[in-house]
Amino acid sequence: MLLRDPELAGIVEGRTDLVFRCWKRPTVRTGGTLRTRRWLLAIHAVDPIERSSLTDADARRSGHTDLADLRADIGDRDGQLYRVHVTCAGDDPRIARRNTSDLTPDDRRTIDAALGRLDRASPRGPWTTTFLTLIRDQPGVRAPDLAAGLGWETVVFKRSVRRLKELGLTESLKVGYRLSPRGLAYLS
């Protein structure tokens, strides 16, 4: 679920706790979490709702001025309308992880094991060290350009980099990526 900046700000500041989306099927689930660039959000409920059941309270809780504003925002989009109850659960834990550059021997073993699993599971063979080195040597380069240089499809390349991000080894920039302090420490 993508959140617009005003929606995210309202949730993080505690002013809003509802989001409305039209989906063929929900992209979040009750009891799950959603990570944004900086925050971890808790998903408390994902309920289908009829447009005719929307209330002024729904509008206010979702950051809209009134019911007409909410209905205008939803428009006539295809799919089932869902009411998502969401709150901020704190900072994204990947941020603290990626900023940790003092790696213990246990940290190194954990990263080695995780990268080994990723390499073994890849139909293309080992890739993690190549990606880390490439990102270290070419920070801020567009993903399609990095992918093309390796002969990978952009979508597969980005998915793979997200796995490195999960380990706290890379960071996304407005354009491209860079190694995090943890990633730099690991490669050194």
C-alpha atoms as a PDB file:
ATOM      1  CA  MET A   1       0.000   0.000   0.000  1.00  0.00           C
ATOM      2  CA  LEU A   2       1.516   3.267  -1.078  1.00  0.00           C
ATOM      3  CA  LEU A   3       0.838   6.260   1.108  1.00  0.00           C
ATOM      4  CA  ARG A   4       0.900   9.853  -0.030  1.00  0.00           C
ATOM      5  CA  ASP A   5       3.073  12.158   2.065  1.00  0.00           C
ATOM      6  CA  PRO A   6       0.101  13.910   3.761  1.00  0.00           C
ATOM      7  CA  GLU A   7      -1.451  10.534   4.654  1.00  0.00           C
ATOM      8  CA  LEU A   8       1.796   9.282   6.155  1.00  0.00           C
ATOM      9  CA  ALA A   9       2.366  12.523   8.063  1.00  0.00           C
ATOM     10  CA  GLY A  10      -1.130  12.319   9.569  1.00  0.00           C
ATOM     11  CA  ILE A  11      -0.567   8.735  10.695  1.00  0.00           C
ATOM     12  CA  VAL A  12       2.889   9.401  12.154  1.00  0.00           C
ATOM     13  CA  GLU A  13       1.645  12.515  13.982  1.00  0.00           C
ATOM     14  CA  GLY A  14      -1.380  10.603  15.330  1.00  0.00           C
ATOM     15  CA  ARG A  15      -3.918  12.891  13.628  1.00  0.00           C
ATOM     16  CA  THR A  16      -5.313  10.121  11.414  1.00  0.00           C
ATOM     17  CA  ASP A  17      -5.713   6.359  11.715  1.00  0.00           C
ATOM     18  CA  LEU A  18      -7.743   5.370   8.652  1.00  0.00           C
ATOM     19  CA  VAL A  19      -6.789   4.952   5.018  1.00  0.00           C
ATOM     20  CA  PHE A  20      -9.206   4.044   2.236  1.00  0.00           C
ATOM     21  CA  ARG A  21      -8.131   2.059  -0.817  1.00  0.00           C
ATOM     22  CA  CYS A  22      -9.823   0.336  -3.753  1.00  0.00           C
ATOM     23  CA  TRP A  23      -8.262  -3.043  -4.506  1.00  0.00           C
ATOM     24  CA  LYS A  24      -9.071  -6.223  -6.336  1.00  0.00           C
ATOM     25  CA  ARG A  25      -7.604  -7.814  -3.218  1.00  0.00           C
ATOM     26  CA  PRO A  26      -5.956  -6.133  -0.210  1.00  0.00           C
ATOM     27  CA  THR A  27      -2.211  -5.551  -0.314  1.00  0.00           C
ATOM     28  CA  VAL A  28      -1.965  -5.456   3.502  1.00  0.00           C
ATOM     29  CA  ARG A  29      -3.512  -7.690   6.142  1.00  0.00           C
ATOM     30  CA  THR A  30      -4.874  -7.351   9.645  1.00  0.00           C
ATOM     31  CA  GLY A  31      -2.118  -7.852  12.185  1.00  0.00           C
ATOM     32  CA  GLY A  32       0.587  -7.093   9.631  1.00  0.00           C
ATOM     33  CA  THR A  33       2.964  -4.211   9.308  1.00  0.00           C
ATOM     34  CA  LEU A  34       3.888  -1.814   6.555  1.00  0.00           C
ATOM     35  CA  ARG A  35       7.327  -0.289   6.250  1.00  0.00           C
ATOM     36  CA  THR A  36       7.764   3.141   4.790  1.00  0.00           C
ATOM     37  CA  ARG A  37      11.049   4.928   4.173  1.00  0.00           C
ATOM     38  CA  ARG A  38      11.389   5.756   7.848  1.00  0.00           C
ATOM     39  CA  TRP A  39       8.456   4.328   9.777  1.00  0.00           C
ATOM     40  CA  LEU A  40       6.920   1.013  10.651  1.00  0.00           C
ATOM     41  CA  LEU A  41       3.116   1.085  10.554  1.00  0.00           C
ATOM     42  CA  ALA A  42       0.820  -1.390  12.315  1.00  0.00           C
ATOM     43  CA  ILE A  43      -2.209  -2.633  10.371  1.00  0.00           C
ATOM     44  CA  HIS A  44      -5.025  -3.193  12.872  1.00  0.00           C
ATOM     45  CA  ALA A  45      -7.890  -3.957  10.480  1.00  0.00           C
ATOM     46  CA  VAL A  46      -8.569  -4.269   6.765  1.00  0.00           C
ATOM     47  CA  ASP A  47     -12.319  -4.224   6.200  1.00  0.00           C
ATOM     48  CA  PRO A  48     -14.325  -4.103   2.985  1.00  0.00           C
ATOM     49  CA  ILE A  49     -16.800  -1.252   3.086  1.00  0.00           C
ATOM     50  CA  GLU A  50     -19.517   0.040   0.778  1.00  0.00           C
ATOM     51  CA  ARG A  51     -19.143   3.613  -0.405  1.00  0.00           C
ATOM     52  CA  SER A  52     -22.648   4.298   0.892  1.00  0.00           C
ATOM     53  CA  SER A  53     -21.493   3.325   4.420  1.00  0.00           C
ATOM     54  CA  LEU A  54     -18.823   6.023   4.664  1.00  0.00           C
ATOM     55  CA  THR A  55     -19.338   8.557   7.451  1.00  0.00           C
ATOM     56  CA  ASP A  56     -18.118  12.004   8.413  1.00  0.00           C
ATOM     57  CA  ALA A  57     -16.131  10.330  11.194  1.00  0.00           C
ATOM     58  CA  ASP A  58     -14.399   8.139   8.564  1.00  0.00           C
ATOM     59  CA  ALA A  59     -13.548  11.285   6.625  1.00  0.00           C
ATOM     60  CA  ARG A  60     -12.049  13.063   9.631  1.00  0.00           C
ATOM     61  CA  ARG A  61     -10.136   9.965  10.799  1.00  0.00           C
ATOM     62  CA  SER A  62      -8.594   9.697   7.319  1.00  0.00           C
ATOM     63  CA  GLY A  63      -7.489  13.333   7.199  1.00  0.00           C
ATOM     64  CA  HIS A  64     -10.254  14.641   4.966  1.00  0.00           C
ATOM     65  CA  THR A  65     -12.188  17.795   5.719  1.00  0.00           C
ATOM     66  CA  ASP A  66     -15.575  16.139   5.288  1.00  0.00           C
ATOM     67  CA  LEU A  67     -17.385  13.213   3.676  1.00  0.00           C
ATOM     68  CA  ALA A  68     -17.578  14.959   0.291  1.00  0.00           C
ATOM     69  CA  ASP A  69     -13.791  15.421   0.324  1.00  0.00           C
ATOM     70  CA  LEU A  70     -13.275  11.720   1.125  1.00  0.00           C
ATOM     71  CA  ARG A  71     -15.677  10.615  -1.605  1.00  0.00           C
ATOM     72  CA  ALA A  72     -13.970  12.913  -4.117  1.00  0.00           C
ATOM     73  CA  ASP A  73     -10.593  11.452  -3.165  1.00  0.00           C
ATOM     74  CA  ILE A  74     -11.840   7.881  -3.608  1.00  0.00           C
ATOM     75  CA  GLY A  75     -13.627   8.762  -6.828  1.00  0.00           C
ATOM     76  CA  ASP A  76     -15.000   5.943  -8.940  1.00  0.00           C
ATOM     77  CA  ARG A  77     -11.952   3.699  -8.857  1.00  0.00           C
ATOM     78  CA  ASP A  78     -12.406   0.053  -9.735  1.00  0.00           C
ATOM     79  CA  GLY A  79     -12.244  -2.655  -7.115  1.00  0.00           C
ATOM     80  CA  GLN A  80     -13.588  -3.205  -3.637  1.00  0.00           C
ATOM     81  CA  LEU A  81     -13.270  -0.257  -1.254  1.00  0.00           C
ATOM     82  CA  TYR A  82     -11.375  -1.122   1.955  1.00  0.00           C
ATOM     83  CA  ARG A  83     -11.079   0.778   5.221  1.00  0.00           C
ATOM     84  CA  VAL A  84      -7.609   0.224   6.686  1.00  0.00           C
ATOM     85  CA  HIS A  85      -7.034   1.036  10.354  1.00  0.00           C
ATOM     86  CA  VAL A  86      -3.364   1.901  10.724  1.00  0.00           C
ATOM     87  CA  THR A  87      -1.121   3.488  13.363  1.00  0.00           C
ATOM     88  CA  CYS A  88       2.560   4.317  13.590  1.00  0.00           C
ATOM     89  CA  ALA A  89       4.491   1.574  15.395  1.00  0.00           C
ATOM     90  CA  GLY A  90       7.792   3.470  15.504  1.00  0.00           C
ATOM     91  CA  ASP A  91      10.944   3.794  13.483  1.00  0.00           C
ATOM     92  CA  ASP A  92      11.697   1.266  10.765  1.00  0.00           C
ATOM     93  CA  PRO A  93      14.130  -1.148  12.485  1.00  0.00           C
ATOM     94  CA  ARG A  94      16.214  -1.345   9.297  1.00  0.00           C
ATOM     95  CA  ILE A  95      17.403   2.225   9.924  1.00  0.00           C
ATOM     96  CA  ALA A  96      19.115   1.374  13.207  1.00  0.00           C
ATOM     97  CA  ARG A  97      20.472  -1.850  11.706  1.00  0.00           C
ATOM     98  CA  ARG A  98      21.956  -0.186   8.635  1.00  0.00           C
ATOM     99  CA  ASN A  99      23.584   2.567  10.705  1.00  0.00           C
ATOM    100  CA  THR A 100      25.486   0.035  12.819  1.00  0.00           C
ATOM    101  CA  SER A 101      29.011  -0.105  11.437  1.00  0.00           C
ATOM    102  CA  ASP A 102      30.707  -1.814  14.374  1.00  0.00           C
ATOM    103  CA  LEU A 103      30.191  -5.437  13.329  1.00  0.00           C
ATOM    104  CA  THR A 104      30.867  -8.213  15.805  1.00  0.00           C
ATOM    105  CA  PRO A 105      32.067 -11.635  14.645  1.00  0.00           C
ATOM    106  CA  ASP A 106      28.482 -12.868  15.229  1.00  0.00           C
ATOM    107  CA  ASP A 107      27.134 -10.056  13.027  1.00  0.00           C
ATOM    108  CA  ARG A 108      29.531 -11.070  10.240  1.00  0.00           C
ATOM    109  CA  ARG A 109      28.536 -14.743  10.543  1.00  0.00           C
ATOM    110  CA  THR A 110      24.855 -13.791  10.416  1.00  0.00           C
ATOM    111  CA  ILE A 111      25.355 -11.644   7.306  1.00  0.00           C
ATOM    112  CA  ASP A 112      27.538 -14.327   5.679  1.00  0.00           C
ATOM    113  CA  ALA A 113      24.841 -16.938   6.292  1.00  0.00           C
ATOM    114  CA  ALA A 114      22.060 -14.708   4.946  1.00  0.00           C
ATOM    115  CA  LEU A 115      24.017 -13.782   1.818  1.00  0.00           C
ATOM    116  CA  GLY A 116      24.942 -17.427   1.309  1.00  0.00           C
ATOM    117  CA  ARG A 117      21.251 -18.388   1.407  1.00  0.00           C
ATOM    118  CA  LEU A 118      20.413 -15.696  -1.147  1.00  0.00           C
ATOM    119  CA  ASP A 119      23.233 -16.825  -3.438  1.00  0.00           C
ATOM    120  CA  ARG A 120      22.261 -20.506  -3.200  1.00  0.00           C
ATOM    121  CA  ALA A 121      18.587 -19.749  -3.885  1.00  0.00           C
ATOM    122  CA  SER A 122      19.342 -17.729  -7.018  1.00  0.00           C
ATOM    123  CA  PRO A 123      18.870 -19.429 -10.394  1.00  0.00           C
ATOM    124  CA  ARG A 124      21.562 -17.050 -11.697  1.00  0.00           C
ATOM    125  CA  GLY A 125      24.144 -18.196  -9.171  1.00  0.00           C
ATOM    126  CA  PRO A 126      25.983 -16.073  -6.600  1.00  0.00           C
ATOM    127  CA  TRP A 127      25.195 -12.373  -6.941  1.00  0.00           C
ATOM    128  CA  THR A 128      25.294 -10.707  -3.521  1.00  0.00           C
ATOM    129  CA  THR A 129      28.975  -9.718  -3.418  1.00  0.00           C
ATOM    130  CA  THR A 130      28.790  -8.484  -7.009  1.00  0.00           C
ATOM    131  CA  PHE A 131      25.795  -6.283  -6.178  1.00  0.00           C
ATOM    132  CA  LEU A 132      27.345  -4.920  -2.984  1.00  0.00           C
ATOM    133  CA  THR A 133      30.578  -4.067  -4.786  1.00  0.00           C
ATOM    134  CA  LEU A 134      28.709  -2.503  -7.707  1.00  0.00           C
ATOM    135  CA  ILE A 135      26.612  -0.328  -5.420  1.00  0.00           C
ATOM    136  CA  ARG A 136      29.682   0.671  -3.394  1.00  0.00           C
ATOM    137  CA  ASP A 137      31.533   1.648  -6.564  1.00  0.00           C
ATOM    138  CA  GLN A 138      28.583   3.359  -8.283  1.00  0.00           C
ATOM    139  CA  PRO A 139      26.403   5.062  -5.671  1.00  0.00           C
ATOM    140  CA  GLY A 140      23.447   7.016  -6.999  1.00  0.00           C
ATOM    141  CA  VAL A 141      23.365   5.273 -10.376  1.00  0.00           C
ATOM    142  CA  ARG A 142      19.895   4.447 -11.721  1.00  0.00           C
ATOM    143  CA  ALA A 143      18.768   0.861 -11.137  1.00  0.00           C
ATOM    144  CA  PRO A 144      18.061   0.247 -14.861  1.00  0.00           C
ATOM    145  CA  ASP A 145      21.635   1.259 -15.683  1.00  0.00           C
ATOM    146  CA  LEU A 146      23.129  -0.987 -12.993  1.00  0.00           C
ATOM    147  CA  ALA A 147      20.877  -3.876 -14.019  1.00  0.00           C
ATOM    148  CA  ALA A 148      21.740  -3.490 -17.706  1.00  0.00           C
ATOM    149  CA  GLY A 149      25.444  -3.537 -16.897  1.00  0.00           C
ATOM    150  CA  LEU A 150      24.960  -6.942 -15.287  1.00  0.00           C
ATOM    151  CA  GLY A 151      22.531  -8.268 -17.894  1.00  0.00           C
ATOM    152  CA  TRP A 152      19.690  -8.453 -15.351  1.00  0.00           C
ATOM    153  CA  GLU A 153      16.107  -7.298 -15.780  1.00  0.00           C
ATOM    154  CA  THR A 154      15.489  -4.109 -13.797  1.00  0.00           C
ATOM    155  CA  VAL A 155      12.588  -5.574 -11.822  1.00  0.00           C
ATOM    156  CA  VAL A 156      14.648  -8.599 -10.731  1.00  0.00           C
ATOM    157  CA  PHE A 157      17.627  -6.376  -9.922  1.00  0.00           C
ATOM    158  CA  LYS A 158      15.499  -4.088  -7.722  1.00  0.00           C
ATOM    159  CA  ARG A 159      13.940  -7.058  -5.919  1.00  0.00           C
ATOM    160  CA  SER A 160      17.407  -8.406  -5.208  1.00  0.00           C
ATOM    161  CA  VAL A 161      18.648  -5.060  -3.885  1.00  0.00           C
ATOM    162  CA  ARG A 162      15.617  -4.941  -1.560  1.00  0.00           C
ATOM    163  CA  ARG A 163      16.857  -8.197  -0.037  1.00  0.00           C
ATOM    164  CA  LEU A 164      20.188  -6.544   0.681  1.00  0.00           C
ATOM    165  CA  LYS A 165      18.301  -3.588   2.158  1.00  0.00           C
ATOM    166  CA  GLU A 166      16.437  -5.974   4.483  1.00  0.00           C
ATOM    167  CA  LEU A 167      19.817  -7.028   5.858  1.00  0.00           C
ATOM    168  CA  GLY A 168      20.710  -3.378   6.454  1.00  0.00           C
ATOM    169  CA  LEU A 169      23.463  -3.390   3.839  1.00  0.00           C
ATOM    170  CA  THR A 170      22.087  -0.867   1.323  1.00  0.00           C
ATOM    171  CA  GLU A 171      20.051   2.322   1.313  1.00  0.00           C
ATOM    172  CA  SER A 172      17.792   3.688  -1.396  1.00  0.00           C
ATOM    173  CA  LEU A 173      18.503   7.175  -2.645  1.00  0.00           C
ATOM    174  CA  LYS A 174      16.218   9.417  -4.707  1.00  0.00           C
ATOM    175  CA  VAL A 175      18.122   7.955  -7.644  1.00  0.00           C
ATOM    176  CA  GLY A 176      19.922   4.654  -7.180  1.00  0.00           C
ATOM    177  CA  TYR A 177      21.420   3.172  -4.060  1.00  0.00           C
ATOM    178  CA  ARG A 178      24.425   3.343  -1.785  1.00  0.00           C
ATOM    179  CA  LEU A 179      25.909   1.037   0.784  1.00  0.00           C
ATOM    180  CA  SER A 180      24.878   1.752   4.336  1.00  0.00           C
ATOM    181  CA  PRO A 181      27.496   2.120   7.063  1.00  0.00           C
ATOM    182  CA  ARG A 182      26.799  -1.554   7.879  1.00  0.00           C
ATOM    183  CA  GLY A 183      27.302  -2.528   4.226  1.00  0.00           C
ATOM    184  CA  LEU A 184      30.555  -0.587   3.997  1.00  0.00           C
ATOM    185  CA  ALA A 185      31.801  -2.187   7.210  1.00  0.00           C
ATOM    186  CA  TYR A 186      30.867  -5.630   5.938  1.00  0.00           C
ATOM    187  CA  LEU A 187      32.751  -5.202   2.659  1.00  0.00           C
ATOM    188  CA  SER A 188      35.868  -3.800   4.336  1.00  0.00           C
END
